[in-house]
Amino acid sequence: MSLTLETSLNGIAHALETRIAPVLDDPFACEAARLAVILTRISALAVNDAAAIRAEENAWLRTLFAEATASVDDDLAIQLREAAASVDPSIRISDLDRENARLRRVLIALHGAVEARRDHAAKVIDGRIWQLLSDIEAARAPGI
């Protein structure tokens, strides 16, 4: 077996749970160790899919922007086209997170624009935005 971040975190969680927490006499320290086990296990689950989740989320945002371009004013349409055509700078988590933050700023601008309108196209895009936000949260939820 090769040592990965995921296996390391699971090993730490196992040691905390089976070797350290059981011998702690202080109730506060024992609860802190149990919380550390939970957080470490959640982190281990998140590590394996972290880059894929972020890259997929960025792709979902770009798809929405491409679809919404025809339904907004010219200035926002330019911004949406540029965002839709963008690519992730690398597969490093920090780069993917920075790109995601940039794309979310565009999403906020789009959402503000469509919520200010009452026409059918705006309502459709608004519904797509809310569905996308729900999908993003579901994808990022730890699989405990």
C-alpha atoms as a PDB file:
ATOM      1  CA  MET A   1       0.000   0.000   0.000  1.00  0.00           C
ATOM      2  CA  SER A   2       1.308   3.445  -0.844  1.00  0.00           C
ATOM      3  CA  LEU A   3       1.115   6.275   1.629  1.00  0.00           C
ATOM      4  CA  THR A   4      -1.405   8.893   0.521  1.00  0.00           C
ATOM      5  CA  LEU A   5      -2.916  11.827   2.320  1.00  0.00           C
ATOM      6  CA  GLU A   6      -6.178   9.913   2.565  1.00  0.00           C
ATOM      7  CA  THR A   7      -4.555   6.847   4.173  1.00  0.00           C
ATOM      8  CA  SER A   8      -2.510   9.078   6.487  1.00  0.00           C
ATOM      9  CA  LEU A   9      -5.597  10.912   7.716  1.00  0.00           C
ATOM     10  CA  ASN A  10      -7.470   7.646   8.226  1.00  0.00           C
ATOM     11  CA  GLY A  11      -4.489   6.281  10.154  1.00  0.00           C
ATOM     12  CA  ILE A  12      -4.430   9.340  12.389  1.00  0.00           C
ATOM     13  CA  ALA A  13      -8.186   9.038  12.993  1.00  0.00           C
ATOM     14  CA  HIS A  14      -7.809   5.357  13.826  1.00  0.00           C
ATOM     15  CA  ALA A  15      -4.987   6.032  16.302  1.00  0.00           C
ATOM     16  CA  LEU A  16      -6.953   8.822  17.974  1.00  0.00           C
ATOM     17  CA  GLU A  17     -10.050   6.667  18.240  1.00  0.00           C
ATOM     18  CA  THR A  18      -8.510   3.368  19.348  1.00  0.00           C
ATOM     19  CA  ARG A  19      -5.303   4.301  21.173  1.00  0.00           C
ATOM     20  CA  ILE A  20      -5.554   7.848  22.482  1.00  0.00           C
ATOM     21  CA  ALA A  21      -9.206   8.628  23.311  1.00  0.00           C
ATOM     22  CA  PRO A  22      -9.742   5.456  25.378  1.00  0.00           C
ATOM     23  CA  VAL A  23      -6.902   6.300  27.778  1.00  0.00           C
ATOM     24  CA  LEU A  24      -7.795   9.930  28.367  1.00  0.00           C
ATOM     25  CA  ASP A  25      -9.115  10.636  31.865  1.00  0.00           C
ATOM     26  CA  ASP A  26     -10.127  14.240  31.259  1.00  0.00           C
ATOM     27  CA  PRO A  27     -13.685  14.347  29.787  1.00  0.00           C
ATOM     28  CA  PHE A  28     -12.913  17.529  27.844  1.00  0.00           C
ATOM     29  CA  ALA A  29      -9.774  16.003  26.309  1.00  0.00           C
ATOM     30  CA  CYS A  30     -11.685  12.835  25.457  1.00  0.00           C
ATOM     31  CA  GLU A  31     -14.410  14.793  23.654  1.00  0.00           C
ATOM     32  CA  ALA A  32     -11.774  16.874  21.862  1.00  0.00           C
ATOM     33  CA  ALA A  33     -10.128  13.653  20.664  1.00  0.00           C
ATOM     34  CA  ARG A  34     -13.490  12.312  19.417  1.00  0.00           C
ATOM     35  CA  LEU A  35     -14.129  15.562  17.559  1.00  0.00           C
ATOM     36  CA  ALA A  36     -10.645  15.337  16.040  1.00  0.00           C
ATOM     37  CA  VAL A  37     -11.480  11.813  14.827  1.00  0.00           C
ATOM     38  CA  ILE A  38     -14.638  13.032  13.108  1.00  0.00           C
ATOM     39  CA  LEU A  39     -12.910  16.017  11.492  1.00  0.00           C
ATOM     40  CA  THR A  40      -9.993  13.886  10.363  1.00  0.00           C
ATOM     41  CA  ARG A  41     -12.315  11.305   8.790  1.00  0.00           C
ATOM     42  CA  ILE A  42     -14.287  14.043   7.007  1.00  0.00           C
ATOM     43  CA  SER A  43     -11.011  15.494   5.719  1.00  0.00           C
ATOM     44  CA  ALA A  44      -9.892  12.074   4.495  1.00  0.00           C
ATOM     45  CA  LEU A  45     -13.127  11.666   2.556  1.00  0.00           C
ATOM     46  CA  ALA A  46     -12.782  15.125   1.008  1.00  0.00           C
ATOM     47  CA  VAL A  47      -9.167  14.688  -0.061  1.00  0.00           C
ATOM     48  CA  ASN A  48      -9.757  11.987  -2.628  1.00  0.00           C
ATOM     49  CA  ASP A  49     -12.300  13.911  -4.703  1.00  0.00           C
ATOM     50  CA  ALA A  50     -11.226  17.489  -3.972  1.00  0.00           C
ATOM     51  CA  ALA A  51      -9.805  18.375  -7.390  1.00  0.00           C
ATOM     52  CA  ALA A  52     -12.514  16.542  -9.325  1.00  0.00           C
ATOM     53  CA  ILE A  53     -15.304  18.240  -7.377  1.00  0.00           C
ATOM     54  CA  ARG A  54     -13.837  21.686  -7.954  1.00  0.00           C
ATOM     55  CA  ALA A  55     -13.155  21.118 -11.649  1.00  0.00           C
ATOM     56  CA  GLU A  56     -16.682  19.777 -12.150  1.00  0.00           C
ATOM     57  CA  GLU A  57     -18.195  22.719 -10.277  1.00  0.00           C
ATOM     58  CA  ASN A  58     -16.245  25.170 -12.438  1.00  0.00           C
ATOM     59  CA  ALA A  59     -17.458  23.353 -15.565  1.00  0.00           C
ATOM     60  CA  TRP A  60     -21.080  23.548 -14.335  1.00  0.00           C
ATOM     61  CA  LEU A  61     -20.711  27.301 -13.793  1.00  0.00           C
ATOM     62  CA  ARG A  62     -19.246  27.787 -17.274  1.00  0.00           C
ATOM     63  CA  THR A  63     -22.095  25.798 -18.842  1.00  0.00           C
ATOM     64  CA  LEU A  64     -24.660  27.967 -17.063  1.00  0.00           C
ATOM     65  CA  PHE A  65     -22.889  31.123 -18.222  1.00  0.00           C
ATOM     66  CA  ALA A  66     -22.891  29.937 -21.839  1.00  0.00           C
ATOM     67  CA  GLU A  67     -26.619  29.185 -21.615  1.00  0.00           C
ATOM     68  CA  ALA A  68     -27.478  32.513 -19.975  1.00  0.00           C
ATOM     69  CA  THR A  69     -25.505  34.747 -22.345  1.00  0.00           C
ATOM     70  CA  ALA A  70     -28.408  35.305 -24.737  1.00  0.00           C
ATOM     71  CA  SER A  71     -30.752  36.365 -21.942  1.00  0.00           C
ATOM     72  CA  VAL A  72     -28.807  39.262 -20.411  1.00  0.00           C
ATOM     73  CA  ASP A  73     -27.696  42.747 -21.414  1.00  0.00           C
ATOM     74  CA  ASP A  74     -24.569  43.288 -23.515  1.00  0.00           C
ATOM     75  CA  ASP A  75     -22.124  44.142 -20.707  1.00  0.00           C
ATOM     76  CA  LEU A  76     -23.030  41.108 -18.652  1.00  0.00           C
ATOM     77  CA  ALA A  77     -23.178  38.944 -21.779  1.00  0.00           C
ATOM     78  CA  ILE A  78     -19.546  39.813 -22.517  1.00  0.00           C
ATOM     79  CA  GLN A  79     -18.574  38.888 -18.970  1.00  0.00           C
ATOM     80  CA  LEU A  80     -20.515  35.608 -19.218  1.00  0.00           C
ATOM     81  CA  ARG A  81     -18.969  34.697 -22.589  1.00  0.00           C
ATOM     82  CA  GLU A  82     -15.472  35.300 -21.224  1.00  0.00           C
ATOM     83  CA  ALA A  83     -16.180  33.236 -18.110  1.00  0.00           C
ATOM     84  CA  ALA A  84     -17.797  30.442 -20.160  1.00  0.00           C
ATOM     85  CA  ALA A  85     -14.724  30.253 -22.407  1.00  0.00           C
ATOM     86  CA  SER A  86     -12.234  30.266 -19.523  1.00  0.00           C
ATOM     87  CA  VAL A  87     -10.310  27.214 -18.370  1.00  0.00           C
ATOM     88  CA  ASP A  88      -8.945  26.097 -15.037  1.00  0.00           C
ATOM     89  CA  PRO A  89      -5.332  27.267 -14.675  1.00  0.00           C
ATOM     90  CA  SER A  90      -4.188  23.931 -13.218  1.00  0.00           C
ATOM     91  CA  ILE A  91      -5.434  21.017 -11.163  1.00  0.00           C
ATOM     92  CA  ARG A  92      -3.950  22.370  -7.926  1.00  0.00           C
ATOM     93  CA  ILE A  93      -6.676  22.832  -5.310  1.00  0.00           C
ATOM     94  CA  SER A  94      -5.570  26.408  -4.575  1.00  0.00           C
ATOM     95  CA  ASP A  95      -5.772  27.327  -8.293  1.00  0.00           C
ATOM     96  CA  LEU A  96      -9.146  25.622  -8.675  1.00  0.00           C
ATOM     97  CA  ASP A  97     -10.458  27.440  -5.595  1.00  0.00           C
ATOM     98  CA  ARG A  98      -9.252  30.813  -6.894  1.00  0.00           C
ATOM     99  CA  GLU A  99     -10.894  30.154 -10.265  1.00  0.00           C
ATOM    100  CA  ASN A 100     -14.066  29.022  -8.516  1.00  0.00           C
ATOM    101  CA  ALA A 101     -14.153  32.252  -6.503  1.00  0.00           C
ATOM    102  CA  ARG A 102     -13.768  34.256  -9.723  1.00  0.00           C
ATOM    103  CA  LEU A 103     -16.575  32.292 -11.404  1.00  0.00           C
ATOM    104  CA  ARG A 104     -18.819  32.723  -8.365  1.00  0.00           C
ATOM    105  CA  ARG A 105     -18.393  36.506  -8.582  1.00  0.00           C
ATOM    106  CA  VAL A 106     -19.713  36.257 -12.145  1.00  0.00           C
ATOM    107  CA  LEU A 107     -22.549  34.051 -10.868  1.00  0.00           C
ATOM    108  CA  ILE A 108     -23.461  36.705  -8.304  1.00  0.00           C
ATOM    109  CA  ALA A 109     -23.607  39.342 -11.044  1.00  0.00           C
ATOM    110  CA  LEU A 110     -25.786  37.067 -13.179  1.00  0.00           C
ATOM    111  CA  HIS A 111     -28.058  36.218 -10.268  1.00  0.00           C
ATOM    112  CA  GLY A 112     -28.515  39.866  -9.352  1.00  0.00           C
ATOM    113  CA  ALA A 113     -29.368  40.722 -12.956  1.00  0.00           C
ATOM    114  CA  VAL A 114     -31.990  38.008 -13.380  1.00  0.00           C
ATOM    115  CA  GLU A 115     -33.592  38.550  -9.985  1.00  0.00           C
ATOM    116  CA  ALA A 116     -34.147  42.202 -10.909  1.00  0.00           C
ATOM    117  CA  ARG A 117     -36.291  41.090 -13.852  1.00  0.00           C
ATOM    118  CA  ARG A 118     -39.703  39.440 -14.007  1.00  0.00           C
ATOM    119  CA  ASP A 119     -39.717  37.895 -17.504  1.00  0.00           C
ATOM    120  CA  HIS A 120     -39.860  34.163 -18.222  1.00  0.00           C
ATOM    121  CA  ALA A 121     -36.230  33.873 -19.404  1.00  0.00           C
ATOM    122  CA  ALA A 122     -35.008  35.466 -16.170  1.00  0.00           C
ATOM    123  CA  LYS A 123     -37.137  33.090 -14.099  1.00  0.00           C
ATOM    124  CA  VAL A 124     -35.712  30.102 -15.977  1.00  0.00           C
ATOM    125  CA  ILE A 125     -32.138  31.247 -15.384  1.00  0.00           C
ATOM    126  CA  ASP A 126     -32.920  31.993 -11.733  1.00  0.00           C
ATOM    127  CA  GLY A 127     -34.239  28.449 -11.348  1.00  0.00           C
ATOM    128  CA  ARG A 128     -31.105  27.050 -13.011  1.00  0.00           C
ATOM    129  CA  ILE A 129     -28.921  29.081 -10.628  1.00  0.00           C
ATOM    130  CA  TRP A 130     -30.718  27.756  -7.559  1.00  0.00           C
ATOM    131  CA  GLN A 131     -30.529  24.186  -8.893  1.00  0.00           C
ATOM    132  CA  LEU A 132     -26.819  24.620  -9.595  1.00  0.00           C
ATOM    133  CA  LEU A 133     -26.201  25.921  -6.070  1.00  0.00           C
ATOM    134  CA  SER A 134     -28.045  22.910  -4.681  1.00  0.00           C
ATOM    135  CA  ASP A 135     -26.024  20.537  -6.879  1.00  0.00           C
ATOM    136  CA  ILE A 136     -22.781  22.196  -5.794  1.00  0.00           C
ATOM    137  CA  GLU A 137     -23.609  21.795  -2.111  1.00  0.00           C
ATOM    138  CA  ALA A 138     -24.619  18.162  -2.641  1.00  0.00           C
ATOM    139  CA  ALA A 139     -21.355  17.430  -4.473  1.00  0.00           C
ATOM    140  CA  ARG A 140     -19.267  19.017  -1.724  1.00  0.00           C
ATOM    141  CA  ALA A 141     -21.102  17.333   1.168  1.00  0.00           C
ATOM    142  CA  PRO A 142     -18.910  14.787   2.910  1.00  0.00           C
ATOM    143  CA  GLY A 143     -19.976  11.196   2.343  1.00  0.00           C
ATOM    144  CA  ILE A 144     -19.996  10.129   5.949  1.00  0.00           C
END
